[in-house]
Amino acid sequence: MNAFGLIHSTAYPDSEEAKEKRLRAVSTIQTEGIVNFVDGLVPGLLHRNMWNRYLRM
């Protein structure tokens, strides 16, 4: 196995904090572009070893 991912989602409505976070993400994408957004997002999604592999891509 090369990789394994766990994804969690629910049908419950977002909290106010989650809504604000999503709006900040949209704003970042609009002002800084998708590359900067993804570069800021990926480190929180991957284990440190996988992040190092991502940087080499």
PDB file of N, CA and C in Angstrom:
ATOM      1  N   MET A   1       0.839  -1.160   0.000  1.00  0.00           N
ATOM      2  CA  MET A   1       0.000   0.000   0.000  1.00  0.00           C
ATOM      3  C   MET A   1       0.893   1.235   0.000  1.00  0.00           C
ATOM      4  N   ASN A   2       0.637   2.142  -0.919  1.00  0.00           N
ATOM      5  CA  ASN A   2       1.415   3.375  -1.011  1.00  0.00           C
ATOM      6  C   ASN A   2       0.845   4.505  -0.178  1.00  0.00           C
ATOM      7  N   ALA A   3      -0.464   4.516   0.006  1.00  0.00           N
ATOM      8  CA  ALA A   3      -1.075   5.611   0.747  1.00  0.00           C
ATOM      9  C   ALA A   3      -2.424   5.170   1.286  1.00  0.00           C
ATOM     10  N   PHE A   4      -2.861   5.877   2.308  1.00  0.00           N
ATOM     11  CA  PHE A   4      -4.145   5.588   2.932  1.00  0.00           C
ATOM     12  C   PHE A   4      -4.720   6.907   3.421  1.00  0.00           C
ATOM     13  N   GLY A   5      -5.964   7.169   3.157  1.00  0.00           N
ATOM     14  CA  GLY A   5      -6.570   8.427   3.598  1.00  0.00           C
ATOM     15  C   GLY A   5      -7.898   8.192   4.289  1.00  0.00           C
ATOM     16  N   LEU A   6      -8.161   8.985   5.293  1.00  0.00           N
ATOM     17  CA  LEU A   6      -9.447   8.968   5.973  1.00  0.00           C
ATOM     18  C   LEU A   6     -10.127  10.305   5.723  1.00  0.00           C
ATOM     19  N   ILE A   7     -11.380  10.255   5.334  1.00  0.00           N
ATOM     20  CA  ILE A   7     -12.129  11.470   5.045  1.00  0.00           C
ATOM     21  C   ILE A   7     -13.397  11.442   5.887  1.00  0.00           C
ATOM     22  N   HIS A   8     -13.697  12.571   6.511  1.00  0.00           N
ATOM     23  CA  HIS A   8     -14.874  12.656   7.382  1.00  0.00           C
ATOM     24  C   HIS A   8     -15.763  13.811   6.928  1.00  0.00           C
ATOM     25  N   SER A   9     -17.031  13.531   6.795  1.00  0.00           N
ATOM     26  CA  SER A   9     -17.992  14.569   6.450  1.00  0.00           C
ATOM     27  C   SER A   9     -19.336  14.185   7.059  1.00  0.00           C
ATOM     28  N   THR A  10     -20.177  15.178   7.300  1.00  0.00           N
ATOM     29  CA  THR A  10     -21.511  14.904   7.823  1.00  0.00           C
ATOM     30  C   THR A  10     -22.536  15.720   7.039  1.00  0.00           C
ATOM     31  N   ALA A  11     -23.777  15.378   7.245  1.00  0.00           N
ATOM     32  CA  ALA A  11     -24.869  16.121   6.616  1.00  0.00           C
ATOM     33  C   ALA A  11     -25.343  17.270   7.500  1.00  0.00           C
ATOM     34  N   TYR A  12     -24.750  17.407   8.685  1.00  0.00           N
ATOM     35  CA  TYR A  12     -25.144  18.479   9.599  1.00  0.00           C
ATOM     36  C   TYR A  12     -24.717  19.839   9.055  1.00  0.00           C
ATOM     37  N   PRO A  13     -25.455  20.886   9.393  1.00  0.00           N
ATOM     38  CA  PRO A  13     -25.081  22.228   8.928  1.00  0.00           C
ATOM     39  C   PRO A  13     -23.751  22.673   9.543  1.00  0.00           C
ATOM     40  N   ASP A  14     -23.054  23.523   8.814  1.00  0.00           N
ATOM     41  CA  ASP A  14     -21.788  24.059   9.301  1.00  0.00           C
ATOM     42  C   ASP A  14     -22.009  25.000  10.472  1.00  0.00           C
ATOM     43  N   SER A  15     -21.025  25.025  11.360  1.00  0.00           N
ATOM     44  CA  SER A  15     -21.038  26.004  12.448  1.00  0.00           C
ATOM     45  C   SER A  15     -20.689  27.368  11.860  1.00  0.00           C
ATOM     46  N   GLU A  16     -20.917  28.406  12.634  1.00  0.00           N
ATOM     47  CA  GLU A  16     -20.544  29.753  12.187  1.00  0.00           C
ATOM     48  C   GLU A  16     -19.043  29.830  11.926  1.00  0.00           C
ATOM     49  N   GLU A  17     -18.259  29.163  12.761  1.00  0.00           N
ATOM     50  CA  GLU A  17     -16.799  29.152  12.579  1.00  0.00           C
ATOM     51  C   GLU A  17     -16.418  28.495  11.259  1.00  0.00           C
ATOM     52  N   ALA A  18     -17.066  27.388  10.929  1.00  0.00           N
ATOM     53  CA  ALA A  18     -16.781  26.698   9.668  1.00  0.00           C
ATOM     54  C   ALA A  18     -17.167  27.559   8.469  1.00  0.00           C
ATOM     55  N   LYS A  19     -18.285  28.266   8.577  1.00  0.00           N
ATOM     56  CA  LYS A  19     -18.715  29.151   7.490  1.00  0.00           C
ATOM     57  C   LYS A  19     -17.705  30.274   7.279  1.00  0.00           C
ATOM     58  N   GLU A  20     -17.224  30.850   8.382  1.00  0.00           N
ATOM     59  CA  GLU A  20     -16.228  31.920   8.284  1.00  0.00           C
ATOM     60  C   GLU A  20     -14.924  31.407   7.667  1.00  0.00           C
ATOM     61  N   LYS A  21     -14.534  30.204   8.056  1.00  0.00           N
ATOM     62  CA  LYS A  21     -13.308  29.609   7.506  1.00  0.00           C
ATOM     63  C   LYS A  21     -13.441  29.400   5.998  1.00  0.00           C
ATOM     64  N   ARG A  22     -14.617  28.940   5.566  1.00  0.00           N
ATOM     65  CA  ARG A  22     -14.851  28.725   4.135  1.00  0.00           C
ATOM     66  C   ARG A  22     -14.803  30.052   3.381  1.00  0.00           C
ATOM     67  N   LEU A  23     -15.392  31.098   3.954  1.00  0.00           N
ATOM     68  CA  LEU A  23     -15.356  32.410   3.301  1.00  0.00           C
ATOM     69  C   LEU A  23     -13.928  32.955   3.221  1.00  0.00           C
ATOM     70  N   ARG A  24     -13.119  32.711   4.246  1.00  0.00           N
ATOM     71  CA  ARG A  24     -11.705  33.128   4.201  1.00  0.00           C
ATOM     72  C   ARG A  24     -10.969  32.366   3.107  1.00  0.00           C
ATOM     73  N   ALA A  25     -11.304  31.089   2.945  1.00  0.00           N
ATOM     74  CA  ALA A  25     -10.669  30.288   1.896  1.00  0.00           C
ATOM     75  C   ALA A  25     -11.009  30.851   0.517  1.00  0.00           C
ATOM     76  N   VAL A  26     -12.268  31.194   0.312  1.00  0.00           N
ATOM     77  CA  VAL A  26     -12.687  31.775  -0.968  1.00  0.00           C
ATOM     78  C   VAL A  26     -11.937  33.080  -1.212  1.00  0.00           C
ATOM     79  N   SER A  27     -11.848  33.904  -0.194  1.00  0.00           N
ATOM     80  CA  SER A  27     -11.151  35.184  -0.324  1.00  0.00           C
ATOM     81  C   SER A  27      -9.677  34.980  -0.665  1.00  0.00           C
ATOM     82  N   THR A  28      -9.040  34.016  -0.002  1.00  0.00           N
ATOM     83  CA  THR A  28      -7.631  33.724  -0.286  1.00  0.00           C
ATOM     84  C   THR A  28      -7.449  33.286  -1.732  1.00  0.00           C
ATOM     85  N   ILE A  29      -8.325  32.423  -2.203  1.00  0.00           N
ATOM     86  CA  ILE A  29      -8.229  31.950  -3.589  1.00  0.00           C
ATOM     87  C   ILE A  29      -8.406  33.116  -4.558  1.00  0.00           C
ATOM     88  N   GLN A  30      -9.342  33.987  -4.268  1.00  0.00           N
ATOM     89  CA  GLN A  30      -9.594  35.117  -5.164  1.00  0.00           C
ATOM     90  C   GLN A  30      -8.440  36.116  -5.177  1.00  0.00           C
ATOM     91  N   THR A  31      -7.807  36.340  -4.032  1.00  0.00           N
ATOM     92  CA  THR A  31      -6.754  37.361  -3.963  1.00  0.00           C
ATOM     93  C   THR A  31      -5.353  36.821  -4.219  1.00  0.00           C
ATOM     94  N   GLU A  32      -5.093  35.570  -3.801  1.00  0.00           N
ATOM     95  CA  GLU A  32      -3.738  35.026  -3.897  1.00  0.00           C
ATOM     96  C   GLU A  32      -3.603  33.888  -4.899  1.00  0.00           C
ATOM     97  N   GLY A  33      -4.721  33.355  -5.349  1.00  0.00           N
ATOM     98  CA  GLY A  33      -4.693  32.258  -6.312  1.00  0.00           C
ATOM     99  C   GLY A  33      -4.766  30.900  -5.645  1.00  0.00           C
ATOM    100  N   ILE A  34      -5.115  29.917  -6.442  1.00  0.00           N
ATOM    101  CA  ILE A  34      -5.322  28.559  -5.939  1.00  0.00           C
ATOM    102  C   ILE A  34      -4.016  27.918  -5.465  1.00  0.00           C
ATOM    103  N   VAL A  35      -2.902  28.238  -6.110  1.00  0.00           N
ATOM    104  CA  VAL A  35      -1.627  27.619  -5.727  1.00  0.00           C
ATOM    105  C   VAL A  35      -1.265  27.985  -4.291  1.00  0.00           C
ATOM    106  N   ASN A  36      -1.360  29.263  -3.951  1.00  0.00           N
ATOM    107  CA  ASN A  36      -1.058  29.677  -2.578  1.00  0.00           C
ATOM    108  C   ASN A  36      -2.031  29.060  -1.584  1.00  0.00           C
ATOM    109  N   PHE A  37      -3.292  28.953  -1.966  1.00  0.00           N
ATOM    110  CA  PHE A  37      -4.279  28.337  -1.078  1.00  0.00           C
ATOM    111  C   PHE A  37      -3.925  26.875  -0.817  1.00  0.00           C
ATOM    112  N   VAL A  38      -3.655  26.125  -1.864  1.00  0.00           N
ATOM    113  CA  VAL A  38      -3.329  24.707  -1.719  1.00  0.00           C
ATOM    114  C   VAL A  38      -2.021  24.530  -0.947  1.00  0.00           C
ATOM    115  N   ASP A  39      -1.040  25.373  -1.222  1.00  0.00           N
ATOM    116  CA  ASP A  39       0.227  25.286  -0.493  1.00  0.00           C
ATOM    117  C   ASP A  39       0.028  25.517   1.005  1.00  0.00           C
ATOM    118  N   GLY A  40      -0.945  26.335   1.373  1.00  0.00           N
ATOM    119  CA  GLY A  40      -1.239  26.553   2.779  1.00  0.00           C
ATOM    120  C   GLY A  40      -2.114  25.468   3.381  1.00  0.00           C
ATOM    121  N   LEU A  41      -2.868  24.779   2.552  1.00  0.00           N
ATOM    122  CA  LEU A  41      -3.802  23.758   3.009  1.00  0.00           C
ATOM    123  C   LEU A  41      -3.138  22.394   3.187  1.00  0.00           C
ATOM    124  N   VAL A  42      -2.303  22.002   2.257  1.00  0.00           N
ATOM    125  CA  VAL A  42      -1.749  20.646   2.217  1.00  0.00           C
ATOM    126  C   VAL A  42      -0.978  20.262   3.477  1.00  0.00           C
ATOM    127  N   PRO A  43      -0.149  21.132   4.047  1.00  0.00           N
ATOM    128  CA  PRO A  43       0.603  20.694   5.231  1.00  0.00           C
ATOM    129  C   PRO A  43      -0.292  20.194   6.373  1.00  0.00           C
ATOM    130  N   GLY A  44      -1.471  20.748   6.516  1.00  0.00           N
ATOM    131  CA  GLY A  44      -2.381  20.304   7.561  1.00  0.00           C
ATOM    132  C   GLY A  44      -3.098  19.006   7.239  1.00  0.00           C
ATOM    133  N   LEU A  45      -3.015  18.573   6.001  1.00  0.00           N
ATOM    134  CA  LEU A  45      -3.709  17.354   5.579  1.00  0.00           C
ATOM    135  C   LEU A  45      -2.803  16.132   5.544  1.00  0.00           C
ATOM    136  N   LEU A  46      -1.506  16.357   5.488  1.00  0.00           N
ATOM    137  CA  LEU A  46      -0.568  15.260   5.304  1.00  0.00           C
ATOM    138  C   LEU A  46       0.356  15.097   6.499  1.00  0.00           C
ATOM    139  N   HIS A  47       0.780  13.872   6.704  1.00  0.00           N
ATOM    140  CA  HIS A  47       1.825  13.599   7.691  1.00  0.00           C
ATOM    141  C   HIS A  47       3.118  14.244   7.203  1.00  0.00           C
ATOM    142  N   ARG A  48       3.976  14.628   8.120  1.00  0.00           N
ATOM    143  CA  ARG A  48       5.231  15.315   7.790  1.00  0.00           C
ATOM    144  C   ARG A  48       6.024  14.590   6.692  1.00  0.00           C
ATOM    145  N   ASN A  49       6.107  13.260   6.745  1.00  0.00           N
ATOM    146  CA  ASN A  49       6.859  12.518   5.716  1.00  0.00           C
ATOM    147  C   ASN A  49       6.222  12.664   4.336  1.00  0.00           C
ATOM    148  N   MET A  50       4.895  12.668   4.293  1.00  0.00           N
ATOM    149  CA  MET A  50       4.216  12.831   3.009  1.00  0.00           C
ATOM    150  C   MET A  50       4.354  14.260   2.512  1.00  0.00           C
ATOM    151  N   TRP A  51       4.385  15.232   3.410  1.00  0.00           N
ATOM    152  CA  TRP A  51       4.582  16.635   3.023  1.00  0.00           C
ATOM    153  C   TRP A  51       5.912  16.794   2.330  1.00  0.00           C
ATOM    154  N   ASN A  52       6.958  16.152   2.852  1.00  0.00           N
ATOM    155  CA  ASN A  52       8.278  16.221   2.219  1.00  0.00           C
ATOM    156  C   ASN A  52       8.229  15.619   0.819  1.00  0.00           C
ATOM    157  N   ARG A  53       7.480  14.561   0.636  1.00  0.00           N
ATOM    158  CA  ARG A  53       7.338  13.956  -0.693  1.00  0.00           C
ATOM    159  C   ARG A  53       6.573  14.907  -1.613  1.00  0.00           C
ATOM    160  N   TYR A  54       5.533  15.569  -1.110  1.00  0.00           N
ATOM    161  CA  TYR A  54       4.760  16.525  -1.893  1.00  0.00           C
ATOM    162  C   TYR A  54       5.652  17.659  -2.383  1.00  0.00           C
ATOM    163  N   LEU A  55       6.552  18.135  -1.535  1.00  0.00           N
ATOM    164  CA  LEU A  55       7.438  19.230  -1.920  1.00  0.00           C
ATOM    165  C   LEU A  55       8.357  18.841  -3.070  1.00  0.00           C
ATOM    166  N   ARG A  56       8.703  17.588  -3.172  1.00  0.00           N
ATOM    167  CA  ARG A  56       9.598  17.133  -4.241  1.00  0.00           C
ATOM    168  C   ARG A  56       8.888  16.971  -5.571  1.00  0.00           C
ATOM    169  N   MET A  57       7.550  17.018  -5.600  1.00  0.00           N
ATOM    170  CA  MET A  57       6.797  16.830  -6.846  1.00  0.00           C
ATOM    171  C   MET A  57       6.938  18.039  -7.744  1.00  0.00           C
TER     172      MET A  57
END
